[in-house]
Amino acid sequence: MKPTKKAVDLTLKTDEALKILGYDKWKPELGDWVFKDGECRLIVGILSSNVIKVRFKYRAVFEEPAGRYIPIFSFEQLVLVLRSLGYDNVESYRSPGEEDVVQIALGWSRFILGRGETYQEAMMKAVIGLAKSKEVR
């Protein structure tokens, strides 16, 4: 599913946050959404480990190095990324105010919350908050 405009807007901050947290292992997969030059594009082919085919505005297809793109992670992909970084306790729920909420446990009594219109947006905000908490320490 194509990411929402808010998720696309959060992509750069999420990418920076993941680097702060120590994640840099993204491998492009068919069907992933990526970001470049203010636009999101769909990966429609993988030619090698570092060259991908992307569809731009549902028409043109380009072959380009994968390193020029920033991944737009889905909620599920971000859960897997966090688990690979050792953050196993990630919960999500819908709040009474109809917002989606993601909670990342940092210990017995510390949590990072992210709220958004979708679970993807809430997760991205939680990841950004997690990186900020790590920078403060």
C-alpha atoms as a PDB file:
ATOM      1  CA  MET A   1       0.000   0.000   0.000  1.00  0.00           C
ATOM      2  CA  LYS A   2       1.276   3.451  -0.870  1.00  0.00           C
ATOM      3  CA  PRO A   3       2.461   5.402   2.204  1.00  0.00           C
ATOM      4  CA  THR A   4       0.473   8.400   3.405  1.00  0.00           C
ATOM      5  CA  LYS A   5       1.795  11.927   2.833  1.00  0.00           C
ATOM      6  CA  LYS A   6       2.601  12.218   6.564  1.00  0.00           C
ATOM      7  CA  ALA A   7       4.598   8.979   6.453  1.00  0.00           C
ATOM      8  CA  VAL A   8       6.539  10.266   3.446  1.00  0.00           C
ATOM      9  CA  ASP A   9       7.181  13.526   5.328  1.00  0.00           C
ATOM     10  CA  LEU A  10       8.537  11.528   8.314  1.00  0.00           C
ATOM     11  CA  THR A  11      10.833   9.377   6.157  1.00  0.00           C
ATOM     12  CA  LEU A  12      13.977  11.523   6.361  1.00  0.00           C
ATOM     13  CA  LYS A  13      13.726  11.904  10.139  1.00  0.00           C
ATOM     14  CA  THR A  14      13.059   8.175  10.532  1.00  0.00           C
ATOM     15  CA  ASP A  15      16.093   7.348   8.390  1.00  0.00           C
ATOM     16  CA  GLU A  16      18.301   9.638  10.497  1.00  0.00           C
ATOM     17  CA  ALA A  17      16.868   8.127  13.693  1.00  0.00           C
ATOM     18  CA  LEU A  18      17.599   4.573  12.530  1.00  0.00           C
ATOM     19  CA  LYS A  19      21.206   5.546  11.793  1.00  0.00           C
ATOM     20  CA  ILE A  20      21.529   6.981  15.319  1.00  0.00           C
ATOM     21  CA  LEU A  21      20.148   3.696  16.675  1.00  0.00           C
ATOM     22  CA  GLY A  22      22.746   1.762  14.657  1.00  0.00           C
ATOM     23  CA  TYR A  23      20.654   0.391  11.788  1.00  0.00           C
ATOM     24  CA  ASP A  24      22.100   0.511   8.275  1.00  0.00           C
ATOM     25  CA  LYS A  25      21.296  -2.923   6.868  1.00  0.00           C
ATOM     26  CA  TRP A  26      18.436  -2.104   4.473  1.00  0.00           C
ATOM     27  CA  LYS A  27      18.291  -4.337   1.422  1.00  0.00           C
ATOM     28  CA  PRO A  28      15.779  -3.348  -1.255  1.00  0.00           C
ATOM     29  CA  GLU A  29      12.936  -5.777  -1.880  1.00  0.00           C
ATOM     30  CA  LEU A  30      10.365  -5.957  -4.628  1.00  0.00           C
ATOM     31  CA  GLY A  31       7.324  -3.891  -3.658  1.00  0.00           C
ATOM     32  CA  ASP A  32       9.152  -1.622  -1.190  1.00  0.00           C
ATOM     33  CA  TRP A  33       8.412   2.080  -1.307  1.00  0.00           C
ATOM     34  CA  VAL A  34      11.402   4.406  -1.433  1.00  0.00           C
ATOM     35  CA  PHE A  35      11.961   8.156  -1.229  1.00  0.00           C
ATOM     36  CA  LYS A  36      14.076  10.418  -3.449  1.00  0.00           C
ATOM     37  CA  ASP A  37      13.863  14.076  -4.478  1.00  0.00           C
ATOM     38  CA  GLY A  38      10.678  14.686  -2.485  1.00  0.00           C
ATOM     39  CA  GLU A  39       8.791  11.849  -4.188  1.00  0.00           C
ATOM     40  CA  CYS A  40       7.971   8.292  -3.236  1.00  0.00           C
ATOM     41  CA  ARG A  41       8.589   5.559  -5.772  1.00  0.00           C
ATOM     42  CA  LEU A  42       7.819   1.854  -5.920  1.00  0.00           C
ATOM     43  CA  ILE A  43      10.524  -0.781  -6.441  1.00  0.00           C
ATOM     44  CA  VAL A  44       9.370  -2.888  -9.405  1.00  0.00           C
ATOM     45  CA  GLY A  45      12.556  -4.819 -10.041  1.00  0.00           C
ATOM     46  CA  ILE A  46      15.894  -5.735  -8.503  1.00  0.00           C
ATOM     47  CA  LEU A  47      18.759  -6.144 -10.951  1.00  0.00           C
ATOM     48  CA  SER A  48      21.512  -6.735  -8.401  1.00  0.00           C
ATOM     49  CA  SER A  49      22.209  -6.078  -4.733  1.00  0.00           C
ATOM     50  CA  ASN A  50      22.723  -2.398  -5.462  1.00  0.00           C
ATOM     51  CA  VAL A  51      20.743  -1.631  -8.655  1.00  0.00           C
ATOM     52  CA  ILE A  52      16.960  -1.418  -8.612  1.00  0.00           C
ATOM     53  CA  LYS A  53      14.153  -0.563 -11.015  1.00  0.00           C
ATOM     54  CA  VAL A  54      11.718   2.009  -9.655  1.00  0.00           C
ATOM     55  CA  ARG A  55       8.403   3.206 -10.973  1.00  0.00           C
ATOM     56  CA  PHE A  56       7.883   6.952 -10.825  1.00  0.00           C
ATOM     57  CA  LYS A  57       4.311   8.269 -10.817  1.00  0.00           C
ATOM     58  CA  TYR A  58       3.010   4.911 -12.102  1.00  0.00           C
ATOM     59  CA  ARG A  59       4.498   5.486 -15.570  1.00  0.00           C
ATOM     60  CA  ALA A  60       8.211   5.713 -16.086  1.00  0.00           C
ATOM     61  CA  VAL A  61      10.567   2.978 -14.906  1.00  0.00           C
ATOM     62  CA  PHE A  62      14.185   3.830 -14.126  1.00  0.00           C
ATOM     63  CA  GLU A  63      17.199   1.681 -13.283  1.00  0.00           C
ATOM     64  CA  GLU A  64      19.278   3.348 -10.565  1.00  0.00           C
ATOM     65  CA  PRO A  65      21.653   2.527  -7.697  1.00  0.00           C
ATOM     66  CA  ALA A  66      19.696   1.578  -4.563  1.00  0.00           C
ATOM     67  CA  GLY A  67      21.950   3.798  -2.435  1.00  0.00           C
ATOM     68  CA  ARG A  68      20.297   6.905  -3.880  1.00  0.00           C
ATOM     69  CA  TYR A  69      17.016   5.994  -2.212  1.00  0.00           C
ATOM     70  CA  ILE A  70      15.751   6.095   1.357  1.00  0.00           C
ATOM     71  CA  PRO A  71      13.390   3.258   2.330  1.00  0.00           C
ATOM     72  CA  ILE A  72       9.891   4.123   3.512  1.00  0.00           C
ATOM     73  CA  PHE A  73       9.450   1.360   6.078  1.00  0.00           C
ATOM     74  CA  SER A  74       6.016  -0.071   6.831  1.00  0.00           C
ATOM     75  CA  PHE A  75       4.895  -0.607  10.425  1.00  0.00           C
ATOM     76  CA  GLU A  76       5.752  -4.308  10.206  1.00  0.00           C
ATOM     77  CA  GLN A  77       9.211  -3.629   8.765  1.00  0.00           C
ATOM     78  CA  LEU A  78       9.977  -1.159  11.570  1.00  0.00           C
ATOM     79  CA  VAL A  79       8.960  -3.726  14.199  1.00  0.00           C
ATOM     80  CA  LEU A  80      11.488  -6.159  12.685  1.00  0.00           C
ATOM     81  CA  VAL A  81      14.167  -3.452  12.551  1.00  0.00           C
ATOM     82  CA  LEU A  82      13.612  -2.585  16.220  1.00  0.00           C
ATOM     83  CA  ARG A  83      13.775  -6.261  17.195  1.00  0.00           C
ATOM     84  CA  SER A  84      17.070  -6.599  15.319  1.00  0.00           C
ATOM     85  CA  LEU A  85      18.362  -3.694  17.448  1.00  0.00           C
ATOM     86  CA  GLY A  86      17.262  -5.372  20.697  1.00  0.00           C
ATOM     87  CA  TYR A  87      13.955  -3.557  21.294  1.00  0.00           C
ATOM     88  CA  ASP A  88      11.674  -6.568  21.623  1.00  0.00           C
ATOM     89  CA  ASN A  89       8.811  -5.015  23.558  1.00  0.00           C
ATOM     90  CA  VAL A  90       6.855  -3.012  20.982  1.00  0.00           C
ATOM     91  CA  GLU A  91       3.105  -2.674  21.393  1.00  0.00           C
ATOM     92  CA  SER A  92       0.485  -0.921  19.299  1.00  0.00           C
ATOM     93  CA  TYR A  93      -3.134  -0.013  19.979  1.00  0.00           C
ATOM     94  CA  ARG A  94      -5.856   2.447  19.052  1.00  0.00           C
ATOM     95  CA  SER A  95      -6.444   5.118  21.683  1.00  0.00           C
ATOM     96  CA  PRO A  96      -9.913   6.288  22.749  1.00  0.00           C
ATOM     97  CA  GLY A  97      -9.302   9.461  20.707  1.00  0.00           C
ATOM     98  CA  GLU A  98      -9.066   7.284  17.553  1.00  0.00           C
ATOM     99  CA  GLU A  99      -5.316   7.767  17.182  1.00  0.00           C
ATOM    100  CA  ASP A 100      -3.015   4.845  16.579  1.00  0.00           C
ATOM    101  CA  VAL A 101      -0.381   4.539  19.293  1.00  0.00           C
ATOM    102  CA  VAL A 102       2.927   2.676  19.344  1.00  0.00           C
ATOM    103  CA  GLN A 103       4.733   2.070  22.615  1.00  0.00           C
ATOM    104  CA  ILE A 104       8.371   0.961  22.833  1.00  0.00           C
ATOM    105  CA  ALA A 105       9.446  -0.264  26.263  1.00  0.00           C
ATOM    106  CA  LEU A 106      12.895   0.811  27.439  1.00  0.00           C
ATOM    107  CA  GLY A 107      12.761  -0.845  30.814  1.00  0.00           C
ATOM    108  CA  TRP A 108      10.322  -1.482  33.630  1.00  0.00           C
ATOM    109  CA  SER A 109       8.919   2.018  33.747  1.00  0.00           C
ATOM    110  CA  ARG A 110      10.228   3.903  30.694  1.00  0.00           C
ATOM    111  CA  PHE A 111       8.396   4.018  27.402  1.00  0.00           C
ATOM    112  CA  ILE A 112       8.608   5.928  24.161  1.00  0.00           C
ATOM    113  CA  LEU A 113       5.227   6.708  22.597  1.00  0.00           C
ATOM    114  CA  GLY A 114       4.394   7.608  19.035  1.00  0.00           C
ATOM    115  CA  ARG A 115       0.938   8.709  17.901  1.00  0.00           C
ATOM    116  CA  GLY A 116      -0.423   9.080  14.391  1.00  0.00           C
ATOM    117  CA  GLU A 117      -3.334   8.600  12.041  1.00  0.00           C
ATOM    118  CA  THR A 118      -1.885   5.217  11.014  1.00  0.00           C
ATOM    119  CA  TYR A 119       0.273   2.664  12.803  1.00  0.00           C
ATOM    120  CA  GLN A 120       3.062   3.429  10.323  1.00  0.00           C
ATOM    121  CA  GLU A 121       3.077   7.141  11.256  1.00  0.00           C
ATOM    122  CA  ALA A 122       2.891   6.320  14.977  1.00  0.00           C
ATOM    123  CA  MET A 123       5.804   3.888  14.643  1.00  0.00           C
ATOM    124  CA  MET A 124       7.918   6.403  12.748  1.00  0.00           C
ATOM    125  CA  LYS A 125       7.317   9.013  15.465  1.00  0.00           C
ATOM    126  CA  ALA A 126       8.200   6.465  18.159  1.00  0.00           C
ATOM    127  CA  VAL A 127      11.464   5.576  16.365  1.00  0.00           C
ATOM    128  CA  ILE A 128      12.338   9.282  16.096  1.00  0.00           C
ATOM    129  CA  GLY A 129      11.581   9.704  19.816  1.00  0.00           C
ATOM    130  CA  LEU A 130      13.714   6.664  20.643  1.00  0.00           C
ATOM    131  CA  ALA A 131      16.687   8.129  18.776  1.00  0.00           C
ATOM    132  CA  LYS A 132      16.244  11.471  20.532  1.00  0.00           C
ATOM    133  CA  SER A 133      16.235   9.732  23.921  1.00  0.00           C
ATOM    134  CA  LYS A 134      19.452   7.944  22.973  1.00  0.00           C
ATOM    135  CA  GLU A 135      21.095  11.232  21.915  1.00  0.00           C
ATOM    136  CA  VAL A 136      20.225  12.832  25.283  1.00  0.00           C
ATOM    137  CA  ARG A 137      22.047  10.169  27.269  1.00  0.00           C
END
